[in-house]
N, C-alpha and C. Protein backbone atom coordinates (compact mmCIF):
# COMPACT_ATOMS: atom_id res chain seq x y z
N MET A 1 -67.56 11.99 76.29
CA MET A 1 -66.74 13.13 76.79
C MET A 1 -66.98 14.33 76.05
N ILE A 2 -67.02 14.25 74.61
CA ILE A 2 -67.27 15.33 73.81
C ILE A 2 -68.59 16.05 74.09
N HIS A 3 -69.59 15.15 74.25
CA HIS A 3 -70.99 15.74 74.70
C HIS A 3 -70.86 16.70 75.93
N LYS A 4 -70.10 16.23 76.94
CA LYS A 4 -69.97 17.04 78.18
C LYS A 4 -69.25 18.28 77.92
N ILE A 5 -68.09 18.27 77.18
CA ILE A 5 -67.44 19.42 76.78
C ILE A 5 -68.19 20.47 75.98
N GLN A 6 -69.10 19.92 75.07
CA GLN A 6 -69.89 20.79 74.35
C GLN A 6 -70.94 21.44 75.14
N LEU A 7 -71.51 20.78 76.21
CA LEU A 7 -72.49 21.22 77.15
C LEU A 7 -71.87 22.32 78.06
N ILE A 8 -70.65 22.02 78.57
CA ILE A 8 -69.97 23.03 79.29
C ILE A 8 -69.75 24.39 78.54
N SER A 9 -69.31 24.20 77.25
CA SER A 9 -69.09 25.27 76.45
C SER A 9 -70.30 26.15 76.14
N ILE A 10 -71.48 25.47 75.89
CA ILE A 10 -72.63 26.18 75.67
C ILE A 10 -72.98 26.95 76.91
N VAL A 11 -72.88 26.29 78.10
CA VAL A 11 -73.24 27.03 79.38
C VAL A 11 -72.38 28.35 79.57
N ILE A 12 -71.07 28.11 79.32
CA ILE A 12 -70.24 29.23 79.50
C ILE A 12 -70.49 30.41 78.59
N VAL A 13 -70.78 30.05 77.29
CA VAL A 13 -71.29 31.10 76.28
C VAL A 13 -72.54 31.67 76.67
N PHE A 14 -73.43 30.92 77.13
CA PHE A 14 -74.71 31.54 77.56
C PHE A 14 -74.63 32.43 78.75
N MET A 15 -73.85 32.06 79.71
CA MET A 15 -73.63 32.89 80.88
C MET A 15 -72.93 34.20 80.48
N LEU A 16 -71.95 34.11 79.66
CA LEU A 16 -71.25 35.38 79.10
C LEU A 16 -72.26 36.33 78.34
N VAL A 17 -72.96 35.79 77.49
CA VAL A 17 -73.94 36.48 76.71
C VAL A 17 -74.97 37.08 77.48
N SER A 18 -75.47 36.25 78.35
CA SER A 18 -76.67 36.74 79.26
C SER A 18 -76.23 37.81 80.23
N THR A 19 -74.97 38.13 80.51
CA THR A 19 -74.45 39.21 81.30
C THR A 19 -74.11 40.36 80.58
N ILE A 20 -74.14 40.36 79.29
CA ILE A 20 -73.77 41.58 78.40
C ILE A 20 -75.01 42.59 78.52
N SER A 21 -74.70 43.81 78.84
CA SER A 21 -75.78 44.82 78.99
C SER A 21 -75.54 45.86 77.87
N THR A 22 -76.64 46.53 77.54
CA THR A 22 -76.61 47.55 76.49
C THR A 22 -76.19 48.83 77.35
N GLU A 23 -76.42 48.82 78.61
CA GLU A 23 -76.01 50.00 79.49
C GLU A 23 -74.54 50.07 79.68
N ALA A 24 -74.06 51.33 80.04
CA ALA A 24 -72.61 51.43 80.23
C ALA A 24 -72.28 50.53 81.46
N GLN A 25 -71.20 49.87 81.37
CA GLN A 25 -70.62 49.06 82.39
C GLN A 25 -69.73 49.83 83.23
N THR A 26 -70.43 50.59 84.28
CA THR A 26 -69.51 51.30 85.10
C THR A 26 -70.13 51.21 86.54
N ILE A 27 -69.26 51.47 87.51
CA ILE A 27 -69.84 51.62 88.90
C ILE A 27 -69.80 53.04 89.23
N LYS A 28 -70.87 53.68 89.43
CA LYS A 28 -70.99 55.07 89.76
C LYS A 28 -71.99 55.20 90.79
N ALA A 29 -71.60 56.06 91.86
CA ALA A 29 -72.38 56.38 93.04
C ALA A 29 -73.78 56.76 92.59
N GLU A 30 -74.73 56.00 93.11
CA GLU A 30 -76.19 56.39 92.86
C GLU A 30 -76.43 57.69 93.54
N LYS A 31 -77.29 58.65 92.94
CA LYS A 31 -77.63 59.86 93.46
C LYS A 31 -78.42 59.76 94.70
N GLY A 32 -78.25 60.63 95.66
CA GLY A 32 -78.92 60.59 96.87
C GLY A 32 -78.07 59.78 98.05
N TYR A 33 -76.91 59.16 97.63
CA TYR A 33 -76.25 58.46 98.57
C TYR A 33 -74.87 59.04 98.71
N SER A 34 -74.21 58.83 99.87
CA SER A 34 -72.78 59.19 99.92
C SER A 34 -71.90 58.30 99.02
N THR A 35 -70.74 58.62 98.68
CA THR A 35 -69.98 58.08 97.58
C THR A 35 -69.81 56.71 97.73
N GLN A 36 -69.29 56.03 98.94
CA GLN A 36 -69.01 54.61 99.03
C GLN A 36 -70.35 53.96 99.10
N ILE A 37 -71.36 54.47 99.83
CA ILE A 37 -72.63 53.72 99.88
C ILE A 37 -73.27 53.65 98.48
N GLY A 38 -73.16 54.78 97.83
CA GLY A 38 -73.73 54.91 96.45
C GLY A 38 -73.08 53.93 95.49
N ASN A 39 -71.72 53.71 95.56
CA ASN A 39 -71.15 52.65 94.78
C ASN A 39 -71.65 51.31 95.10
N MET A 40 -71.80 51.00 96.40
CA MET A 40 -72.28 49.75 96.82
C MET A 40 -73.74 49.52 96.24
N VAL A 41 -74.60 50.57 96.34
CA VAL A 41 -75.99 50.56 95.82
C VAL A 41 -75.96 50.29 94.26
N SER A 42 -74.99 50.93 93.58
CA SER A 42 -74.81 50.65 92.16
C SER A 42 -74.60 49.21 91.89
N MET A 43 -73.67 48.59 92.68
CA MET A 43 -73.36 47.27 92.40
C MET A 43 -74.63 46.23 92.87
N LEU A 44 -75.17 46.57 94.00
CA LEU A 44 -76.30 45.70 94.37
C LEU A 44 -77.45 45.77 93.36
N GLU A 45 -77.68 46.97 92.73
CA GLU A 45 -78.78 47.13 91.90
C GLU A 45 -78.41 46.26 90.51
N ASP A 46 -77.18 46.44 90.23
CA ASP A 46 -76.72 45.79 88.89
C ASP A 46 -76.87 44.25 89.12
N LEU A 47 -76.51 43.64 90.17
CA LEU A 47 -76.71 42.29 90.39
C LEU A 47 -78.12 41.84 90.41
N LYS A 48 -78.93 42.62 91.12
CA LYS A 48 -80.39 42.24 91.15
C LYS A 48 -81.09 42.35 89.80
N SER A 49 -80.63 43.39 89.01
CA SER A 49 -81.22 43.50 87.66
C SER A 49 -80.77 42.37 86.81
N ARG A 50 -79.55 41.91 86.87
CA ARG A 50 -78.98 40.84 86.06
C ARG A 50 -79.64 39.45 86.43
N ILE A 51 -79.78 39.18 87.70
CA ILE A 51 -80.60 38.08 88.22
C ILE A 51 -82.06 38.10 87.71
N THR A 52 -82.68 39.24 87.93
CA THR A 52 -84.12 39.39 87.57
C THR A 52 -84.33 39.12 86.06
N ARG A 53 -83.46 39.77 85.24
CA ARG A 53 -83.57 39.50 83.80
C ARG A 53 -83.43 38.08 83.47
N ARG A 54 -82.61 37.33 84.02
CA ARG A 54 -82.49 35.94 83.82
C ARG A 54 -83.66 35.05 84.11
N ILE A 55 -84.42 35.37 85.18
CA ILE A 55 -85.39 34.60 85.65
C ILE A 55 -86.86 35.12 85.60
N ALA A 56 -87.03 36.35 85.24
CA ALA A 56 -88.44 37.06 85.23
C ALA A 56 -89.44 36.28 84.47
N ASN A 57 -89.06 35.45 83.47
CA ASN A 57 -90.11 34.92 82.63
C ASN A 57 -90.14 33.34 82.80
N LEU A 58 -89.66 32.89 83.95
CA LEU A 58 -89.65 31.42 84.20
C LEU A 58 -91.17 30.94 84.41
N ASN A 59 -91.52 29.83 84.01
CA ASN A 59 -92.85 29.23 84.21
C ASN A 59 -92.72 28.49 85.56
N GLN A 60 -93.80 27.98 85.95
CA GLN A 60 -93.92 27.31 87.27
C GLN A 60 -92.99 25.97 87.34
N GLU A 61 -92.94 25.35 86.36
CA GLU A 61 -92.02 24.16 86.32
C GLU A 61 -90.63 24.57 86.42
N GLU A 62 -90.20 25.66 85.73
CA GLU A 62 -88.88 26.18 85.77
C GLU A 62 -88.44 26.71 87.16
N THR A 63 -89.46 27.52 87.77
CA THR A 63 -89.38 28.10 89.06
C THR A 63 -89.13 27.10 90.18
N ASP A 64 -89.76 25.98 90.05
CA ASP A 64 -89.72 24.90 91.10
C ASP A 64 -88.79 23.74 90.59
N PHE A 65 -88.05 23.84 89.60
CA PHE A 65 -87.09 22.80 89.16
C PHE A 65 -86.09 22.46 90.20
N LEU A 66 -85.81 21.24 90.38
CA LEU A 66 -84.83 20.55 91.34
C LEU A 66 -83.81 20.02 90.47
N LEU A 67 -82.62 20.37 90.59
CA LEU A 67 -81.48 19.80 89.89
C LEU A 67 -81.13 18.41 90.34
N ASP A 68 -81.31 18.15 91.59
CA ASP A 68 -81.26 16.94 92.22
C ASP A 68 -81.92 16.99 93.66
N GLU A 69 -81.99 15.92 94.34
CA GLU A 69 -82.74 15.82 95.60
C GLU A 69 -82.08 16.66 96.66
N ASP A 70 -80.86 17.06 96.56
CA ASP A 70 -80.30 18.03 97.55
C ASP A 70 -80.18 19.52 97.11
N ALA A 71 -80.75 19.69 95.93
CA ALA A 71 -80.68 21.19 95.37
C ALA A 71 -81.72 22.10 95.91
N ASN A 72 -81.61 23.25 95.55
CA ASN A 72 -82.72 24.29 95.92
C ASN A 72 -83.34 24.84 94.61
N ARG A 73 -84.56 25.20 94.67
CA ARG A 73 -85.31 25.65 93.60
C ARG A 73 -84.95 27.17 93.41
N ILE A 74 -85.04 27.61 92.17
CA ILE A 74 -84.76 29.05 91.87
C ILE A 74 -85.63 29.97 92.72
N GLY A 75 -86.86 29.70 92.81
CA GLY A 75 -87.78 30.51 93.61
C GLY A 75 -87.32 30.53 95.08
N ALA A 76 -86.83 29.47 95.53
CA ALA A 76 -86.37 29.44 97.06
C ALA A 76 -85.01 30.23 97.11
N LEU A 77 -84.19 30.22 96.06
CA LEU A 77 -82.96 30.95 96.02
C LEU A 77 -83.23 32.53 96.13
N ILE A 78 -84.24 32.81 95.32
CA ILE A 78 -84.66 34.35 95.23
C ILE A 78 -85.05 34.68 96.70
N TYR A 79 -85.88 33.91 97.31
CA TYR A 79 -86.36 34.18 98.69
C TYR A 79 -85.20 34.18 99.64
N HIS A 80 -84.20 33.33 99.48
CA HIS A 80 -82.98 33.35 100.27
C HIS A 80 -82.21 34.57 100.09
N LEU A 81 -82.05 35.05 98.84
CA LEU A 81 -81.44 36.41 98.68
C LEU A 81 -82.08 37.56 99.38
N ALA A 82 -83.49 37.50 99.34
CA ALA A 82 -84.21 38.50 100.09
C ALA A 82 -83.97 38.38 101.58
N ALA A 83 -84.07 37.05 102.12
CA ALA A 83 -83.94 36.76 103.57
C ALA A 83 -82.45 37.37 104.09
N THR A 84 -81.40 37.04 103.19
CA THR A 84 -80.13 37.43 103.65
C THR A 84 -80.12 38.82 103.65
N GLU A 85 -80.61 39.55 102.64
CA GLU A 85 -80.49 40.98 102.67
C GLU A 85 -81.34 41.61 103.84
N LYS A 86 -82.46 41.06 104.18
CA LYS A 86 -83.24 41.41 105.32
C LYS A 86 -82.47 41.32 106.61
N TYR A 87 -81.78 40.15 106.74
CA TYR A 87 -80.98 39.87 108.00
C TYR A 87 -80.00 40.97 108.06
N TYR A 88 -79.19 41.36 107.02
CA TYR A 88 -78.11 42.32 107.10
C TYR A 88 -78.82 43.63 107.28
N GLN A 89 -79.95 43.95 106.90
CA GLN A 89 -80.68 45.25 107.30
C GLN A 89 -80.68 45.38 108.77
N LEU A 90 -81.31 44.31 109.32
CA LEU A 90 -81.54 44.29 110.77
C LEU A 90 -80.19 44.29 111.60
N TYR A 91 -79.24 43.52 111.10
CA TYR A 91 -77.90 43.49 111.81
C TYR A 91 -77.13 44.84 111.69
N THR A 92 -77.13 45.51 110.52
CA THR A 92 -76.40 46.75 110.37
C THR A 92 -77.13 48.00 110.83
N PHE A 93 -78.48 48.05 110.80
CA PHE A 93 -79.19 49.20 111.16
C PHE A 93 -79.75 49.07 112.42
N GLU A 94 -80.12 47.85 113.03
CA GLU A 94 -80.78 47.76 114.23
C GLU A 94 -79.86 46.93 115.24
N ASN A 95 -78.78 46.34 114.78
CA ASN A 95 -77.84 45.57 115.68
C ASN A 95 -78.54 44.36 116.24
N ARG A 96 -79.23 43.67 115.48
CA ARG A 96 -79.97 42.46 115.94
C ARG A 96 -80.25 41.47 114.75
N GLY A 97 -80.70 40.29 115.16
CA GLY A 97 -81.03 39.29 114.28
C GLY A 97 -82.58 39.24 114.13
N PHE A 98 -83.06 38.14 113.61
CA PHE A 98 -84.49 38.01 113.47
C PHE A 98 -85.24 37.76 114.86
N LYS A 99 -86.35 38.39 115.07
CA LYS A 99 -87.12 38.10 116.24
C LYS A 99 -88.06 37.00 115.99
N LYS A 100 -88.69 36.51 117.03
CA LYS A 100 -89.55 35.38 116.95
C LYS A 100 -90.71 35.58 115.87
N ASP A 101 -91.25 36.80 115.85
CA ASP A 101 -92.34 37.11 114.92
C ASP A 101 -91.84 37.34 113.44
N GLU A 102 -90.54 37.24 113.29
CA GLU A 102 -89.96 37.30 111.88
C GLU A 102 -89.37 36.00 111.52
N GLU A 103 -89.82 34.87 112.00
CA GLU A 103 -89.38 33.52 111.57
C GLU A 103 -89.66 33.15 110.20
N LYS A 104 -90.62 33.85 109.59
CA LYS A 104 -90.86 33.50 108.04
C LYS A 104 -89.56 33.52 107.26
N TRP A 105 -88.58 34.29 107.74
CA TRP A 105 -87.32 34.46 106.99
C TRP A 105 -86.33 33.21 107.19
N SER A 106 -86.61 32.51 108.37
CA SER A 106 -85.65 31.56 108.72
C SER A 106 -85.49 30.50 107.72
N THR A 107 -86.66 29.96 107.27
CA THR A 107 -86.66 28.83 106.21
C THR A 107 -85.93 29.20 105.04
N ALA A 108 -86.12 30.51 104.49
CA ALA A 108 -85.56 30.87 103.27
C ALA A 108 -83.93 31.21 103.64
N LEU A 109 -83.73 31.62 104.77
CA LEU A 109 -82.22 31.90 105.11
C LEU A 109 -81.41 30.72 105.10
N SER A 110 -81.95 29.55 105.64
CA SER A 110 -81.13 28.42 105.89
C SER A 110 -81.31 27.49 104.73
N LEU A 111 -82.38 27.55 103.85
CA LEU A 111 -82.69 26.63 102.80
C LEU A 111 -82.65 25.19 103.27
N GLY A 112 -82.15 24.24 102.38
CA GLY A 112 -82.12 22.79 102.67
C GLY A 112 -83.47 22.09 102.63
N GLU A 113 -83.58 21.04 103.41
CA GLU A 113 -84.67 20.10 103.20
C GLU A 113 -85.94 20.85 103.63
N ASN A 114 -85.96 21.61 104.70
CA ASN A 114 -87.23 22.32 104.98
C ASN A 114 -87.75 23.26 103.96
N ALA A 115 -86.77 24.04 103.30
CA ALA A 115 -87.16 24.89 102.23
C ALA A 115 -87.66 24.16 101.11
N ARG A 116 -87.09 22.92 100.70
CA ARG A 116 -87.56 22.27 99.59
C ARG A 116 -89.03 21.81 99.71
N GLY A 117 -89.47 21.57 101.02
CA GLY A 117 -90.80 21.24 101.23
C GLY A 117 -91.72 22.41 101.30
N LYS A 118 -91.23 23.58 101.66
CA LYS A 118 -92.11 24.73 101.82
C LYS A 118 -92.01 25.73 100.71
N LEU A 119 -90.85 25.98 100.18
CA LEU A 119 -90.78 27.05 99.15
C LEU A 119 -90.93 26.55 97.74
N LYS A 120 -92.21 26.36 97.48
CA LYS A 120 -92.56 25.80 96.02
C LYS A 120 -93.99 26.17 95.76
N ASP A 121 -94.36 25.98 94.58
CA ASP A 121 -95.75 26.20 94.11
C ASP A 121 -96.14 27.66 94.11
N LYS A 122 -95.21 28.55 93.99
CA LYS A 122 -95.49 29.98 93.84
C LYS A 122 -94.81 30.47 92.51
N PRO A 123 -95.40 31.45 91.80
CA PRO A 123 -94.89 31.93 90.66
C PRO A 123 -93.57 32.69 90.95
N ILE A 124 -92.70 32.77 90.03
CA ILE A 124 -91.53 33.55 90.14
C ILE A 124 -91.59 34.99 90.64
N ASP A 125 -92.78 35.61 90.16
CA ASP A 125 -93.17 36.94 90.69
C ASP A 125 -93.40 37.00 92.19
N TYR A 126 -93.82 35.91 92.68
CA TYR A 126 -94.09 36.01 94.23
C TYR A 126 -92.63 36.29 94.98
N TYR A 127 -91.70 35.47 94.43
CA TYR A 127 -90.42 35.64 95.09
C TYR A 127 -89.61 37.00 94.69
N LEU A 128 -89.80 37.46 93.48
CA LEU A 128 -89.35 38.69 93.12
C LEU A 128 -89.90 39.88 93.80
N ASP A 129 -91.18 39.82 93.98
CA ASP A 129 -92.13 40.79 94.81
C ASP A 129 -91.37 40.91 96.27
N ILE A 130 -91.15 39.84 96.84
CA ILE A 130 -90.54 39.82 98.19
C ILE A 130 -89.22 40.49 98.18
N TRP A 131 -88.30 40.15 97.30
CA TRP A 131 -87.01 40.71 97.14
C TRP A 131 -87.11 42.22 96.82
N ASP A 132 -88.09 42.57 95.87
CA ASP A 132 -88.25 44.03 95.57
C ASP A 132 -88.54 44.78 96.84
N GLU A 133 -89.46 44.24 97.68
CA GLU A 133 -89.85 44.98 99.03
C GLU A 133 -88.61 45.02 99.92
N VAL A 134 -87.92 44.02 100.08
CA VAL A 134 -86.64 44.18 100.94
C VAL A 134 -85.71 45.15 100.28
N ARG A 135 -85.53 45.17 99.05
CA ARG A 135 -84.57 46.00 98.36
C ARG A 135 -84.96 47.48 98.58
N LYS A 136 -86.31 47.66 98.45
CA LYS A 136 -86.77 49.01 98.55
C LYS A 136 -86.46 49.51 99.98
N GLU A 137 -86.57 48.73 100.96
CA GLU A 137 -86.20 49.08 102.37
C GLU A 137 -84.80 49.33 102.58
N THR A 138 -83.88 48.37 101.94
CA THR A 138 -82.47 48.73 102.00
C THR A 138 -82.04 49.95 101.41
N LEU A 139 -82.62 50.33 100.30
CA LEU A 139 -82.33 51.67 99.58
C LEU A 139 -82.65 52.84 100.49
N ARG A 140 -83.82 52.58 101.14
CA ARG A 140 -84.35 53.73 102.03
C ARG A 140 -83.42 53.92 103.09
N LEU A 141 -83.00 52.73 103.81
CA LEU A 141 -82.13 52.87 105.05
C LEU A 141 -80.77 53.35 104.61
N LEU A 142 -80.16 52.92 103.56
CA LEU A 142 -78.83 53.35 103.23
C LEU A 142 -78.86 54.75 102.84
N LYS A 143 -79.92 55.44 102.43
CA LYS A 143 -79.96 56.85 102.15
C LYS A 143 -79.84 57.65 103.40
N THR A 144 -80.14 57.10 104.54
CA THR A 144 -80.09 57.71 105.91
C THR A 144 -78.69 57.69 106.39
N LYS A 145 -77.67 57.02 105.80
CA LYS A 145 -76.36 56.99 106.35
C LYS A 145 -75.36 57.60 105.55
N ASP A 146 -74.06 57.69 105.97
CA ASP A 146 -72.98 58.25 105.18
C ASP A 146 -71.83 57.38 105.31
N ASP A 147 -70.81 57.85 104.63
CA ASP A 147 -69.59 56.91 104.46
C ASP A 147 -68.94 56.65 105.85
N LYS A 148 -69.01 57.67 106.72
CA LYS A 148 -68.56 57.44 108.04
C LYS A 148 -69.16 56.25 108.75
N TRP A 149 -70.41 56.19 108.66
CA TRP A 149 -71.22 55.07 109.25
C TRP A 149 -70.79 53.73 108.44
N PHE A 150 -70.62 53.78 107.09
CA PHE A 150 -70.33 52.66 106.38
C PHE A 150 -69.03 52.07 106.75
N GLU A 151 -68.03 52.92 107.19
CA GLU A 151 -66.77 52.42 107.50
C GLU A 151 -66.70 52.01 109.00
N ALA A 152 -67.62 52.39 109.84
CA ALA A 152 -67.72 52.08 111.27
C ALA A 152 -68.03 50.59 111.42
N ASN A 153 -67.64 49.94 112.47
CA ASN A 153 -67.86 48.57 112.89
C ASN A 153 -69.33 48.47 113.29
N VAL A 154 -70.01 47.40 112.94
CA VAL A 154 -71.26 46.99 113.50
C VAL A 154 -71.14 46.85 115.03
N LYS A 155 -71.97 47.40 115.74
CA LYS A 155 -71.92 47.40 117.23
C LYS A 155 -71.62 46.02 117.71
N GLY A 156 -70.52 45.89 118.48
CA GLY A 156 -70.22 44.60 119.10
C GLY A 156 -69.57 43.68 118.18
N SER A 157 -69.04 44.12 117.13
CA SER A 157 -68.47 43.16 116.05
C SER A 157 -67.22 43.83 115.52
N SER A 158 -66.30 42.91 114.88
CA SER A 158 -65.16 43.46 114.32
C SER A 158 -65.45 43.62 112.82
N MET A 159 -66.70 43.43 112.38
CA MET A 159 -67.08 43.70 111.00
C MET A 159 -67.62 45.05 110.81
N ASN A 160 -67.16 45.75 109.75
CA ASN A 160 -67.69 47.06 109.43
C ASN A 160 -68.90 46.97 108.67
N ASN A 161 -69.74 48.06 108.54
CA ASN A 161 -70.99 48.01 107.74
C ASN A 161 -70.63 47.79 106.25
N HIS A 162 -69.54 48.40 105.79
CA HIS A 162 -69.15 48.25 104.50
C HIS A 162 -68.99 46.83 104.06
N TRP A 163 -68.30 46.07 104.95
CA TRP A 163 -67.94 44.70 104.77
C TRP A 163 -69.30 43.87 104.76
N ALA A 164 -70.19 44.14 105.62
CA ALA A 164 -71.45 43.48 105.78
C ALA A 164 -72.18 43.61 104.45
N TRP A 165 -72.29 44.89 103.89
CA TRP A 165 -72.98 45.06 102.69
C TRP A 165 -72.22 44.49 101.46
N TYR A 166 -70.92 44.39 101.52
CA TYR A 166 -70.16 43.77 100.45
C TYR A 166 -70.50 42.26 100.50
N HIS A 167 -70.64 41.70 101.76
CA HIS A 167 -71.09 40.32 101.88
C HIS A 167 -72.29 39.96 101.17
N VAL A 168 -73.34 40.93 101.34
CA VAL A 168 -74.59 40.71 100.70
C VAL A 168 -74.45 40.64 99.18
N MET A 169 -73.62 41.65 98.73
CA MET A 169 -73.36 41.71 97.24
C MET A 169 -72.65 40.45 96.76
N GLU A 170 -71.61 40.00 97.41
CA GLU A 170 -70.92 38.77 96.85
C GLU A 170 -71.81 37.53 97.00
N HIS A 171 -72.70 37.58 98.13
CA HIS A 171 -73.61 36.45 98.25
C HIS A 171 -74.55 36.32 97.11
N GLN A 172 -75.09 37.54 96.64
CA GLN A 172 -75.98 37.48 95.51
C GLN A 172 -75.22 37.09 94.27
N ALA A 173 -73.94 37.54 94.06
CA ALA A 173 -73.18 37.14 92.85
C ALA A 173 -72.98 35.55 92.84
N ASN A 174 -72.80 34.93 94.08
CA ASN A 174 -72.57 33.54 94.05
C ASN A 174 -73.82 32.86 93.56
N HIS A 175 -74.86 33.28 94.13
CA HIS A 175 -76.16 32.60 93.75
C HIS A 175 -76.56 32.85 92.39
N MET A 176 -76.13 33.94 91.79
CA MET A 176 -76.40 34.29 90.43
C MET A 176 -75.84 33.08 89.53
N GLY A 177 -74.57 32.72 89.86
CA GLY A 177 -73.94 31.66 89.03
C GLY A 177 -74.64 30.42 89.31
N GLN A 178 -75.18 30.10 90.58
CA GLN A 178 -75.97 28.83 90.83
C GLN A 178 -77.29 28.93 89.99
N ILE A 179 -77.91 29.98 89.95
CA ILE A 179 -79.06 30.12 89.25
C ILE A 179 -78.86 29.82 87.65
N ALA A 180 -77.69 30.47 87.20
CA ALA A 180 -77.44 30.26 85.81
C ALA A 180 -77.21 28.65 85.50
N LEU A 181 -76.54 28.03 86.47
CA LEU A 181 -76.31 26.59 86.28
C LEU A 181 -77.65 25.85 86.20
N ILE A 182 -78.50 26.15 87.22
CA ILE A 182 -79.74 25.53 87.38
C ILE A 182 -80.57 25.73 86.03
N SER A 183 -80.64 26.89 85.69
CA SER A 183 -81.43 27.20 84.48
C SER A 183 -80.94 26.63 83.12
N SER A 184 -79.60 26.31 83.23
CA SER A 184 -79.03 25.68 82.07
C SER A 184 -79.57 24.18 81.93
N ARG A 185 -80.12 23.73 83.02
CA ARG A 185 -80.45 22.30 82.96
C ARG A 185 -81.95 21.99 82.87
N PHE A 186 -82.71 23.12 82.55
CA PHE A 186 -84.26 22.82 82.18
C PHE A 186 -84.35 22.01 81.06
């Protein structure tokens, strides 16, 4: 029992220390964006930076590590974050989901057994590059909108654009914790 408590304590300390930044810990609207969108961009970029710092130097064994037979690999989780963000780009900016020719995102979006078989044997940079490209497009698209758009509902939905992008952010935060747990088990 003491061994388990010590391990939990080490994981908690590791998670706290790894999130400490030398940069100011503020949410401030990014330049070039309306206020509310700029604040969201600030939070999205902070989360992405923190996740990336944690995993940028993983080797192949760590990138493909499975905690158990039902778990997801860290590489697959990064692809999942990119796929989720891509989905919300399409949903909020084009009012649609994935088309047939965009099926490459489906495996990463749903994860599970199919992803365990397909999303492996690639270096961590492969997954980070995919996420970087998706994020680049997110930032470009958000610059074209204002806070009035942000507060408006997604066409045909009771969800507004702000909530949709809040969900992307909270989704990334949830997986940041999962990635921290997985990486503590290497």
